[in-house]
Each structure stands twice: as structure tokens, then as C-alpha cells.
Amino acid sequence: MTRYRLAPDVGVIDDGVRVFAAALPEGPIVVLAGIGAEVWRAVLDADLPTATARLVTEGAGPQEEAASDAALYTAALVDAGLLVAEHGEDV
């Protein structure tokens, strides 16, 4: 199982509408809104199936669409250095 956590030295402000995240101290600041912010909230300390279930429960779309959005945005957030993937059975 792979869970996603906030990367070290990342600062986050979530105003309830948008999520502002930056690798400190140099940035850049990434602003997430809409489905991007929803995925951010859903995937923190979770795996992709859990994040997908959270998105569906929150009304972000049907299962297939939520799974696709979760995978796409999570990969982009990991690539940007804002989230890290922790692999293992009991992470």
C-alpha cells in the first residue's frame, strides 16, 4: 500500500476554498482550487483508493472520474515535491 504525506519543508495554507502549498524556502507557491484542492485534502495521509472514496463521498464525481482525478493530481503533487509516497504494508 502507498500512502501520501506532506513532504518535508512544505508549507501549506488551506483557506477552505484554495490550498496554497510551497516547498520552503524557495517555492514556488502552488495554488490548488476546485478538484485540485479536493484531491489534496482527500489524499493526505491516505492511499489512492481511500482518497477516491473520500472524493466520491464529497460529491466530486462518479467513481471512475474521482479515481482518475486522484491519480492524476497526486502524481503531479509528488512530482512537484509537495507530497511524498510512503510504501509498505503498514504505513
PDB file of N, CA and C in Angstrom:
ATOM      1  N   MET A   1       0.841  -1.169   0.000  1.00  0.00           N
ATOM      2  CA  MET A   1       0.000   0.000   0.000  1.00  0.00           C
ATOM      3  C   MET A   1       0.888   1.235   0.000  1.00  0.00           C
ATOM      4  N   THR A   2       0.504   2.244  -0.731  1.00  0.00           N
ATOM      5  CA  THR A   2       1.225   3.504  -0.785  1.00  0.00           C
ATOM      6  C   THR A   2       0.338   4.605  -0.221  1.00  0.00           C
ATOM      7  N   ARG A   3       0.844   5.272   0.802  1.00  0.00           N
ATOM      8  CA  ARG A   3       0.136   6.405   1.397  1.00  0.00           C
ATOM      9  C   ARG A   3       0.907   7.674   1.051  1.00  0.00           C
ATOM     10  N   TYR A   4       0.197   8.772   1.035  1.00  0.00           N
ATOM     11  CA  TYR A   4       0.801  10.050   0.667  1.00  0.00           C
ATOM     12  C   TYR A   4       0.779  10.994   1.863  1.00  0.00           C
ATOM     13  N   ARG A   5       1.923  11.627   2.073  1.00  0.00           N
ATOM     14  CA  ARG A   5       2.084  12.553   3.193  1.00  0.00           C
ATOM     15  C   ARG A   5       2.714  13.850   2.691  1.00  0.00           C
ATOM     16  N   LEU A   6       2.575  14.869   3.512  1.00  0.00           N
ATOM     17  CA  LEU A   6       3.204  16.143   3.214  1.00  0.00           C
ATOM     18  C   LEU A   6       4.716  15.950   3.174  1.00  0.00           C
ATOM     19  N   ALA A   7       5.352  16.466   2.153  1.00  0.00           N
ATOM     20  CA  ALA A   7       6.806  16.368   2.038  1.00  0.00           C
ATOM     21  C   ALA A   7       7.463  17.256   3.096  1.00  0.00           C
ATOM     22  N   PRO A   8       8.687  16.912   3.492  1.00  0.00           N
ATOM     23  CA  PRO A   8       9.401  17.762   4.455  1.00  0.00           C
ATOM     24  C   PRO A   8       9.576  19.175   3.906  1.00  0.00           C
ATOM     25  N   ASP A   9       9.534  20.139   4.792  1.00  0.00           N
ATOM     26  CA  ASP A   9       9.769  21.547   4.451  1.00  0.00           C
ATOM     27  C   ASP A   9       8.761  22.108   3.458  1.00  0.00           C
ATOM     28  N   VAL A  10       7.535  21.616   3.526  1.00  0.00           N
ATOM     29  CA  VAL A  10       6.457  22.164   2.707  1.00  0.00           C
ATOM     30  C   VAL A  10       5.513  22.934   3.619  1.00  0.00           C
ATOM     31  N   GLY A  11       5.244  24.160   3.242  1.00  0.00           N
ATOM     32  CA  GLY A  11       4.293  24.984   3.979  1.00  0.00           C
ATOM     33  C   GLY A  11       2.961  24.974   3.264  1.00  0.00           C
ATOM     34  N   VAL A  12       1.874  24.933   4.047  1.00  0.00           N
ATOM     35  CA  VAL A  12       0.532  24.841   3.469  1.00  0.00           C
ATOM     36  C   VAL A  12      -0.417  25.792   4.189  1.00  0.00           C
ATOM     37  N   ILE A  13      -1.222  26.488   3.421  1.00  0.00           N
ATOM     38  CA  ILE A  13      -2.349  27.251   3.949  1.00  0.00           C
ATOM     39  C   ILE A  13      -3.576  26.783   3.176  1.00  0.00           C
ATOM     40  N   ASP A  14      -4.577  26.350   3.899  1.00  0.00           N
ATOM     41  CA  ASP A  14      -5.842  25.913   3.302  1.00  0.00           C
ATOM     42  C   ASP A  14      -6.921  26.837   3.832  1.00  0.00           C
ATOM     43  N   ASP A  15      -7.448  27.683   2.963  1.00  0.00           N
ATOM     44  CA  ASP A  15      -8.461  28.643   3.403  1.00  0.00           C
ATOM     45  C   ASP A  15      -9.888  28.105   3.251  1.00  0.00           C
ATOM     46  N   GLY A  16      -9.995  26.813   2.940  1.00  0.00           N
ATOM     47  CA  GLY A  16     -11.308  26.205   2.777  1.00  0.00           C
ATOM     48  C   GLY A  16     -11.812  26.244   1.340  1.00  0.00           C
ATOM     49  N   VAL A  17     -11.226  27.113   0.542  1.00  0.00           N
ATOM     50  CA  VAL A  17     -11.581  27.206  -0.876  1.00  0.00           C
ATOM     51  C   VAL A  17     -10.385  26.796  -1.723  1.00  0.00           C
ATOM     52  N   ARG A  18      -9.243  27.356  -1.372  1.00  0.00           N
ATOM     53  CA  ARG A  18      -7.998  27.077  -2.088  1.00  0.00           C
ATOM     54  C   ARG A  18      -6.976  26.503  -1.121  1.00  0.00           C
ATOM     55  N   VAL A  19      -6.000  25.811  -1.689  1.00  0.00           N
ATOM     56  CA  VAL A  19      -4.857  25.327  -0.928  1.00  0.00           C
ATOM     57  C   VAL A  19      -3.620  25.964  -1.543  1.00  0.00           C
ATOM     58  N   PHE A  20      -2.823  26.613  -0.691  1.00  0.00           N
ATOM     59  CA  PHE A  20      -1.567  27.218  -1.108  1.00  0.00           C
ATOM     60  C   PHE A  20      -0.463  26.350  -0.517  1.00  0.00           C
ATOM     61  N   ALA A  21       0.403  25.797  -1.342  1.00  0.00           N
ATOM     62  CA  ALA A  21       1.470  24.921  -0.868  1.00  0.00           C
ATOM     63  C   ALA A  21       2.776  25.336  -1.538  1.00  0.00           C
ATOM     64  N   ALA A  22       3.853  25.278  -0.751  1.00  0.00           N
ATOM     65  CA  ALA A  22       5.161  25.654  -1.295  1.00  0.00           C
ATOM     66  C   ALA A  22       6.256  24.877  -0.597  1.00  0.00           C
ATOM     67  N   ALA A  23       7.230  24.429  -1.381  1.00  0.00           N
ATOM     68  CA  ALA A  23       8.449  23.850  -0.822  1.00  0.00           C
ATOM     69  C   ALA A  23       9.275  25.020  -0.305  1.00  0.00           C
ATOM     70  N   LEU A  24       9.511  25.047   0.992  1.00  0.00           N
ATOM     71  CA  LEU A  24      10.206  26.174   1.615  1.00  0.00           C
ATOM     72  C   LEU A  24      11.707  25.949   1.643  1.00  0.00           C
ATOM     73  N   PRO A  25      12.498  26.979   1.503  1.00  0.00           N
ATOM     74  CA  PRO A  25      12.119  28.389   1.488  1.00  0.00           C
ATOM     75  C   PRO A  25      11.963  28.975   0.088  1.00  0.00           C
ATOM     76  N   GLU A  26      12.210  28.207  -0.945  1.00  0.00           N
ATOM     77  CA  GLU A  26      12.316  28.783  -2.286  1.00  0.00           C
ATOM     78  C   GLU A  26      11.050  28.725  -3.135  1.00  0.00           C
ATOM     79  N   GLY A  27      10.074  27.888  -2.764  1.00  0.00           N
ATOM     80  CA  GLY A  27       8.856  27.826  -3.562  1.00  0.00           C
ATOM     81  C   GLY A  27       9.053  27.050  -4.835  1.00  0.00           C
ATOM     82  N   PRO A  28       8.283  27.282  -5.820  1.00  0.00           N
ATOM     83  CA  PRO A  28       7.240  28.290  -5.953  1.00  0.00           C
ATOM     84  C   PRO A  28       5.989  27.904  -5.164  1.00  0.00           C
ATOM     85  N   ILE A  29       5.080  28.862  -5.018  1.00  0.00           N
ATOM     86  CA  ILE A  29       3.807  28.595  -4.372  1.00  0.00           C
ATOM     87  C   ILE A  29       2.870  28.003  -5.411  1.00  0.00           C
ATOM     88  N   VAL A  30       2.272  26.878  -5.058  1.00  0.00           N
ATOM     89  CA  VAL A  30       1.283  26.227  -5.920  1.00  0.00           C
ATOM     90  C   VAL A  30      -0.086  26.516  -5.327  1.00  0.00           C
ATOM     91  N   VAL A  31      -1.001  26.998  -6.159  1.00  0.00           N
ATOM     92  CA  VAL A  31      -2.357  27.287  -5.710  1.00  0.00           C
ATOM     93  C   VAL A  31      -3.293  26.243  -6.320  1.00  0.00           C
ATOM     94  N   LEU A  32      -3.976  25.527  -5.438  1.00  0.00           N
ATOM     95  CA  LEU A  32      -4.920  24.500  -5.870  1.00  0.00           C
ATOM     96  C   LEU A  32      -6.335  24.969  -5.549  1.00  0.00           C
ATOM     97  N   ALA A  33      -7.221  24.836  -6.512  1.00  0.00           N
ATOM     98  CA  ALA A  33      -8.626  25.175  -6.309  1.00  0.00           C
ATOM     99  C   ALA A  33      -9.465  24.085  -6.967  1.00  0.00           C
ATOM    100  N   GLY A  34     -10.734  24.067  -6.680  1.00  0.00           N
ATOM    101  CA  GLY A  34     -11.623  23.084  -7.293  1.00  0.00           C
ATOM    102  C   GLY A  34     -11.176  21.670  -6.983  1.00  0.00           C
ATOM    103  N   ILE A  35     -11.143  20.835  -8.019  1.00  0.00           N
ATOM    104  CA  ILE A  35     -10.814  19.428  -7.823  1.00  0.00           C
ATOM    105  C   ILE A  35      -9.384  19.253  -7.321  1.00  0.00           C
ATOM    106  N   GLY A  36      -8.471  20.137  -7.676  1.00  0.00           N
ATOM    107  CA  GLY A  36      -7.103  20.043  -7.180  1.00  0.00           C
ATOM    108  C   GLY A  36      -7.047  20.161  -5.669  1.00  0.00           C
ATOM    109  N   ALA A  37      -7.780  21.119  -5.109  1.00  0.00           N
ATOM    110  CA  ALA A  37      -7.832  21.280  -3.653  1.00  0.00           C
ATOM    111  C   ALA A  37      -8.544  20.104  -3.001  1.00  0.00           C
ATOM    112  N   GLU A  38      -9.596  19.615  -3.641  1.00  0.00           N
ATOM    113  CA  GLU A  38     -10.315  18.465  -3.100  1.00  0.00           C
ATOM    114  C   GLU A  38      -9.420  17.232  -3.042  1.00  0.00           C
ATOM    115  N   VAL A  39      -8.642  17.004  -4.099  1.00  0.00           N
ATOM    116  CA  VAL A  39      -7.725  15.858  -4.108  1.00  0.00           C
ATOM    117  C   VAL A  39      -6.671  16.039  -3.026  1.00  0.00           C
ATOM    118  N   TRP A  40      -6.114  17.232  -2.887  1.00  0.00           N
ATOM    119  CA  TRP A  40      -5.110  17.490  -1.851  1.00  0.00           C
ATOM    120  C   TRP A  40      -5.649  17.052  -0.485  1.00  0.00           C
ATOM    121  N   ARG A  41      -6.831  17.518  -0.154  1.00  0.00           N
ATOM    122  CA  ARG A  41      -7.414  17.198   1.158  1.00  0.00           C
ATOM    123  C   ARG A  41      -7.696  15.709   1.295  1.00  0.00           C
ATOM    124  N   ALA A  42      -8.146  15.088   0.224  1.00  0.00           N
ATOM    125  CA  ALA A  42      -8.539  13.671   0.273  1.00  0.00           C
ATOM    126  C   ALA A  42      -7.351  12.728   0.378  1.00  0.00           C
ATOM    127  N   VAL A  43      -6.216  13.099  -0.211  1.00  0.00           N
ATOM    128  CA  VAL A  43      -5.093  12.158  -0.305  1.00  0.00           C
ATOM    129  C   VAL A  43      -4.096  12.277   0.853  1.00  0.00           C
ATOM    130  N   LEU A  44      -4.158  13.360   1.613  1.00  0.00           N
ATOM    131  CA  LEU A  44      -3.220  13.490   2.732  1.00  0.00           C
ATOM    132  C   LEU A  44      -3.403  12.353   3.722  1.00  0.00           C
ATOM    133  N   ASP A  45      -2.319  11.670   4.031  1.00  0.00           N
ATOM    134  CA  ASP A  45      -2.313  10.528   4.954  1.00  0.00           C
ATOM    135  C   ASP A  45      -3.255   9.412   4.505  1.00  0.00           C
ATOM    136  N   ALA A  46      -3.366   9.239   3.184  1.00  0.00           N
ATOM    137  CA  ALA A  46      -4.250   8.209   2.638  1.00  0.00           C
ATOM    138  C   ALA A  46      -3.607   7.574   1.418  1.00  0.00           C
ATOM    139  N   ASP A  47      -4.192   6.466   0.986  1.00  0.00           N
ATOM    140  CA  ASP A  47      -3.799   5.851  -0.275  1.00  0.00           C
ATOM    141  C   ASP A  47      -4.804   6.284  -1.344  1.00  0.00           C
ATOM    142  N   LEU A  48      -4.546   5.922  -2.592  1.00  0.00           N
ATOM    143  CA  LEU A  48      -5.438   6.368  -3.673  1.00  0.00           C
ATOM    144  C   LEU A  48      -6.864   5.816  -3.555  1.00  0.00           C
ATOM    145  N   PRO A  49      -7.059   4.536  -3.197  1.00  0.00           N
ATOM    146  CA  PRO A  49      -8.447   4.071  -3.043  1.00  0.00           C
ATOM    147  C   PRO A  49      -9.216   4.838  -1.955  1.00  0.00           C
ATOM    148  N   THR A  50      -8.542   5.150  -0.863  1.00  0.00           N
ATOM    149  CA  THR A  50      -9.192   5.920   0.206  1.00  0.00           C
ATOM    150  C   THR A  50      -9.495   7.334  -0.271  1.00  0.00           C
ATOM    151  N   ALA A  51      -8.545   7.949  -0.955  1.00  0.00           N
ATOM    152  CA  ALA A  51      -8.763   9.293  -1.491  1.00  0.00           C
ATOM    153  C   ALA A  51      -9.927   9.296  -2.477  1.00  0.00           C
ATOM    154  N   THR A  52      -9.993   8.283  -3.315  1.00  0.00           N
ATOM    155  CA  THR A  52     -11.094   8.184  -4.279  1.00  0.00           C
ATOM    156  C   THR A  52     -12.425   8.084  -3.559  1.00  0.00           C
ATOM    157  N   ALA A  53     -12.493   7.253  -2.546  1.00  0.00           N
ATOM    158  CA  ALA A  53     -13.739   7.100  -1.772  1.00  0.00           C
ATOM    159  C   ALA A  53     -14.124   8.424  -1.119  1.00  0.00           C
ATOM    160  N   ARG A  54     -13.152   9.146  -0.599  1.00  0.00           N
ATOM    161  CA  ARG A  54     -13.430  10.453   0.013  1.00  0.00           C
ATOM    162  C   ARG A  54     -13.981  11.423  -1.020  1.00  0.00           C
ATOM    163  N   LEU A  55     -13.396  11.429  -2.214  1.00  0.00           N
ATOM    164  CA  LEU A  55     -13.869  12.322  -3.270  1.00  0.00           C
ATOM    165  C   LEU A  55     -15.301  11.999  -3.675  1.00  0.00           C
ATOM    166  N   VAL A  56     -15.596  10.722  -3.815  1.00  0.00           N
ATOM    167  CA  VAL A  56     -16.957  10.315  -4.185  1.00  0.00           C
ATOM    168  C   VAL A  56     -17.938  10.730  -3.092  1.00  0.00           C
ATOM    169  N   THR A  57     -17.562  10.509  -1.846  1.00  0.00           N
ATOM    170  CA  THR A  57     -18.419  10.872  -0.718  1.00  0.00           C
ATOM    171  C   THR A  57     -18.678  12.373  -0.678  1.00  0.00           C
ATOM    172  N   GLU A  58     -17.669  13.159  -1.037  1.00  0.00           N
ATOM    173  CA  GLU A  58     -17.804  14.617  -1.047  1.00  0.00           C
ATOM    174  C   GLU A  58     -18.519  15.140  -2.289  1.00  0.00           C
ATOM    175  N   GLY A  59     -18.882  14.239  -3.200  1.00  0.00           N
ATOM    176  CA  GLY A  59     -19.624  14.644  -4.387  1.00  0.00           C
ATOM    177  C   GLY A  59     -18.768  15.170  -5.520  1.00  0.00           C
ATOM    178  N   ALA A  60     -17.495  14.769  -5.555  1.00  0.00           N
ATOM    179  CA  ALA A  60     -16.580  15.262  -6.584  1.00  0.00           C
ATOM    180  C   ALA A  60     -16.800  14.595  -7.942  1.00  0.00           C
ATOM    181  N   GLY A  61     -17.650  13.592  -7.993  1.00  0.00           N
ATOM    182  CA  GLY A  61     -17.913  12.926  -9.257  1.00  0.00           C
ATOM    183  C   GLY A  61     -18.088  11.440  -9.060  1.00  0.00           C
ATOM    184  N   PRO A  62     -18.379  10.730 -10.139  1.00  0.00           N
ATOM    185  CA  PRO A  62     -18.525   9.283 -10.056  1.00  0.00           C
ATOM    186  C   PRO A  62     -17.176   8.596  -9.796  1.00  0.00           C
ATOM    187  N   GLN A  63     -17.230   7.351  -9.423  1.00  0.00           N
ATOM    188  CA  GLN A  63     -16.052   6.571  -9.022  1.00  0.00           C
ATOM    189  C   GLN A  63     -14.916   6.652 -10.039  1.00  0.00           C
ATOM    190  N   GLU A  64     -15.192   6.386 -11.303  1.00  0.00           N
ATOM    191  CA  GLU A  64     -14.123   6.372 -12.312  1.00  0.00           C
ATOM    192  C   GLU A  64     -13.467   7.743 -12.466  1.00  0.00           C
ATOM    193  N   GLU A  65     -14.278   8.779 -12.477  1.00  0.00           N
ATOM    194  CA  GLU A  65     -13.747  10.136 -12.609  1.00  0.00           C
ATOM    195  C   GLU A  65     -12.932  10.521 -11.371  1.00  0.00           C
ATOM    196  N   ALA A  66     -13.436  10.191 -10.197  1.00  0.00           N
ATOM    197  CA  ALA A  66     -12.727  10.502  -8.950  1.00  0.00           C
ATOM    198  C   ALA A  66     -11.395   9.757  -8.888  1.00  0.00           C
ATOM    199  N   ALA A  67     -11.381   8.492  -9.315  1.00  0.00           N
ATOM    200  CA  ALA A  67     -10.139   7.706  -9.308  1.00  0.00           C
ATOM    201  C   ALA A  67      -9.116   8.310 -10.264  1.00  0.00           C
ATOM    202  N   SER A  68      -9.570   8.727 -11.431  1.00  0.00           N
ATOM    203  CA  SER A  68      -8.680   9.339 -12.417  1.00  0.00           C
ATOM    204  C   SER A  68      -8.120  10.665 -11.891  1.00  0.00           C
ATOM    205  N   ASP A  69      -8.992  11.500 -11.333  1.00  0.00           N
ATOM    206  CA  ASP A  69      -8.545  12.785 -10.776  1.00  0.00           C
ATOM    207  C   ASP A  69      -7.561  12.576  -9.634  1.00  0.00           C
ATOM    208  N   ALA A  70      -7.856  11.632  -8.742  1.00  0.00           N
ATOM    209  CA  ALA A  70      -6.975  11.364  -7.604  1.00  0.00           C
ATOM    210  C   ALA A  70      -5.591  10.938  -8.089  1.00  0.00           C
ATOM    211  N   ALA A  71      -5.542  10.036  -9.053  1.00  0.00           N
ATOM    212  CA  ALA A  71      -4.252   9.554  -9.563  1.00  0.00           C
ATOM    213  C   ALA A  71      -3.483  10.665 -10.272  1.00  0.00           C
ATOM    214  N   LEU A  72      -4.158  11.424 -11.104  1.00  0.00           N
ATOM    215  CA  LEU A  72      -3.508  12.488 -11.879  1.00  0.00           C
ATOM    216  C   LEU A  72      -2.950  13.585 -10.977  1.00  0.00           C
ATOM    217  N   TYR A  73      -3.787  14.130 -10.099  1.00  0.00           N
ATOM    218  CA  TYR A  73      -3.344  15.227  -9.238  1.00  0.00           C
ATOM    219  C   TYR A  73      -2.306  14.764  -8.222  1.00  0.00           C
ATOM    220  N   THR A  74      -2.467  13.570  -7.664  1.00  0.00           N
ATOM    221  CA  THR A  74      -1.498  13.074  -6.698  1.00  0.00           C
ATOM    222  C   THR A  74      -0.130  12.910  -7.347  1.00  0.00           C
ATOM    223  N   ALA A  75      -0.076  12.364  -8.540  1.00  0.00           N
ATOM    224  CA  ALA A  75       1.200  12.216  -9.247  1.00  0.00           C
ATOM    225  C   ALA A  75       1.842  13.582  -9.486  1.00  0.00           C
ATOM    226  N   ALA A  76       1.052  14.558  -9.862  1.00  0.00           N
ATOM    227  CA  ALA A  76       1.582  15.903 -10.106  1.00  0.00           C
ATOM    228  C   ALA A  76       2.108  16.529  -8.814  1.00  0.00           C
ATOM    229  N   LEU A  77       1.417  16.302  -7.699  1.00  0.00           N
ATOM    230  CA  LEU A  77       1.848  16.852  -6.417  1.00  0.00           C
ATOM    231  C   LEU A  77       3.127  16.182  -5.919  1.00  0.00           C
ATOM    232  N   VAL A  78       3.261  14.892  -6.176  1.00  0.00           N
ATOM    233  CA  VAL A  78       4.505  14.186  -5.837  1.00  0.00           C
ATOM    234  C   VAL A  78       5.637  14.713  -6.723  1.00  0.00           C
ATOM    235  N   ASP A  79       5.386  14.841  -8.023  1.00  0.00           N
ATOM    236  CA  ASP A  79       6.400  15.359  -8.946  1.00  0.00           C
ATOM    237  C   ASP A  79       6.847  16.775  -8.565  1.00  0.00           C
ATOM    238  N   ALA A  80       5.923  17.560  -8.022  1.00  0.00           N
ATOM    239  CA  ALA A  80       6.237  18.935  -7.624  1.00  0.00           C
ATOM    240  C   ALA A  80       6.971  18.993  -6.284  1.00  0.00           C
ATOM    241  N   GLY A  81       7.116  17.841  -5.626  1.00  0.00           N
ATOM    242  CA  GLY A  81       7.825  17.798  -4.354  1.00  0.00           C
ATOM    243  C   GLY A  81       6.995  18.238  -3.163  1.00  0.00           C
ATOM    244  N   LEU A  82       5.673  18.297  -3.333  1.00  0.00           N
ATOM    245  CA  LEU A  82       4.801  18.724  -2.252  1.00  0.00           C
ATOM    246  C   LEU A  82       4.293  17.558  -1.402  1.00  0.00           C
ATOM    247  N   LEU A  83       4.159  16.404  -2.023  1.00  0.00           N
ATOM    248  CA  LEU A  83       3.760  15.191  -1.312  1.00  0.00           C
ATOM    249  C   LEU A  83       4.842  14.131  -1.518  1.00  0.00           C
ATOM    250  N   VAL A  84       4.936  13.220  -0.567  1.00  0.00           N
ATOM    251  CA  VAL A  84       5.827  12.067  -0.717  1.00  0.00           C
ATOM    252  C   VAL A  84       5.004  10.803  -0.569  1.00  0.00           C
ATOM    253  N   ALA A  85       5.411   9.787  -1.306  1.00  0.00           N
ATOM    254  CA  ALA A  85       4.757   8.474  -1.239  1.00  0.00           C
ATOM    255  C   ALA A  85       5.526   7.602  -0.257  1.00  0.00           C
ATOM    256  N   GLU A  86       4.799   6.995   0.647  1.00  0.00           N
ATOM    257  CA  GLU A  86       5.392   6.042   1.593  1.00  0.00           C
ATOM    258  C   GLU A  86       4.867   4.669   1.247  1.00  0.00           C
ATOM    259  N   HIS A  87       5.779   3.765   0.947  1.00  0.00           N
ATOM    260  CA  HIS A  87       5.406   2.416   0.508  1.00  0.00           C
ATOM    261  C   HIS A  87       5.535   1.448   1.669  1.00  0.00           C
ATOM    262  N   GLY A  88       4.663   0.471   1.710  1.00  0.00           N
ATOM    263  CA  GLY A  88       4.758  -0.558   2.716  1.00  0.00           C
ATOM    264  C   GLY A  88       3.381  -1.076   3.093  1.00  0.00           C
ATOM    265  N   GLU A  89       3.379  -2.127   3.887  1.00  0.00           N
ATOM    266  CA  GLU A  89       2.112  -2.733   4.281  1.00  0.00           C
ATOM    267  C   GLU A  89       1.417  -1.947   5.368  1.00  0.00           C
ATOM    268  N   ASP A  90       2.180  -1.397   6.299  1.00  0.00           N
ATOM    269  CA  ASP A  90       1.577  -0.716   7.448  1.00  0.00           C
ATOM    270  C   ASP A  90       2.033   0.728   7.559  1.00  0.00           C
ATOM    271  N   VAL A  91       1.979   1.456   6.445  1.00  0.00           N
ATOM    272  CA  VAL A  91       2.374   2.865   6.515  1.00  0.00           C
ATOM    273  C   VAL A  91       1.202   3.714   6.933  1.00  0.00           C
TER     274      VAL A  91
END
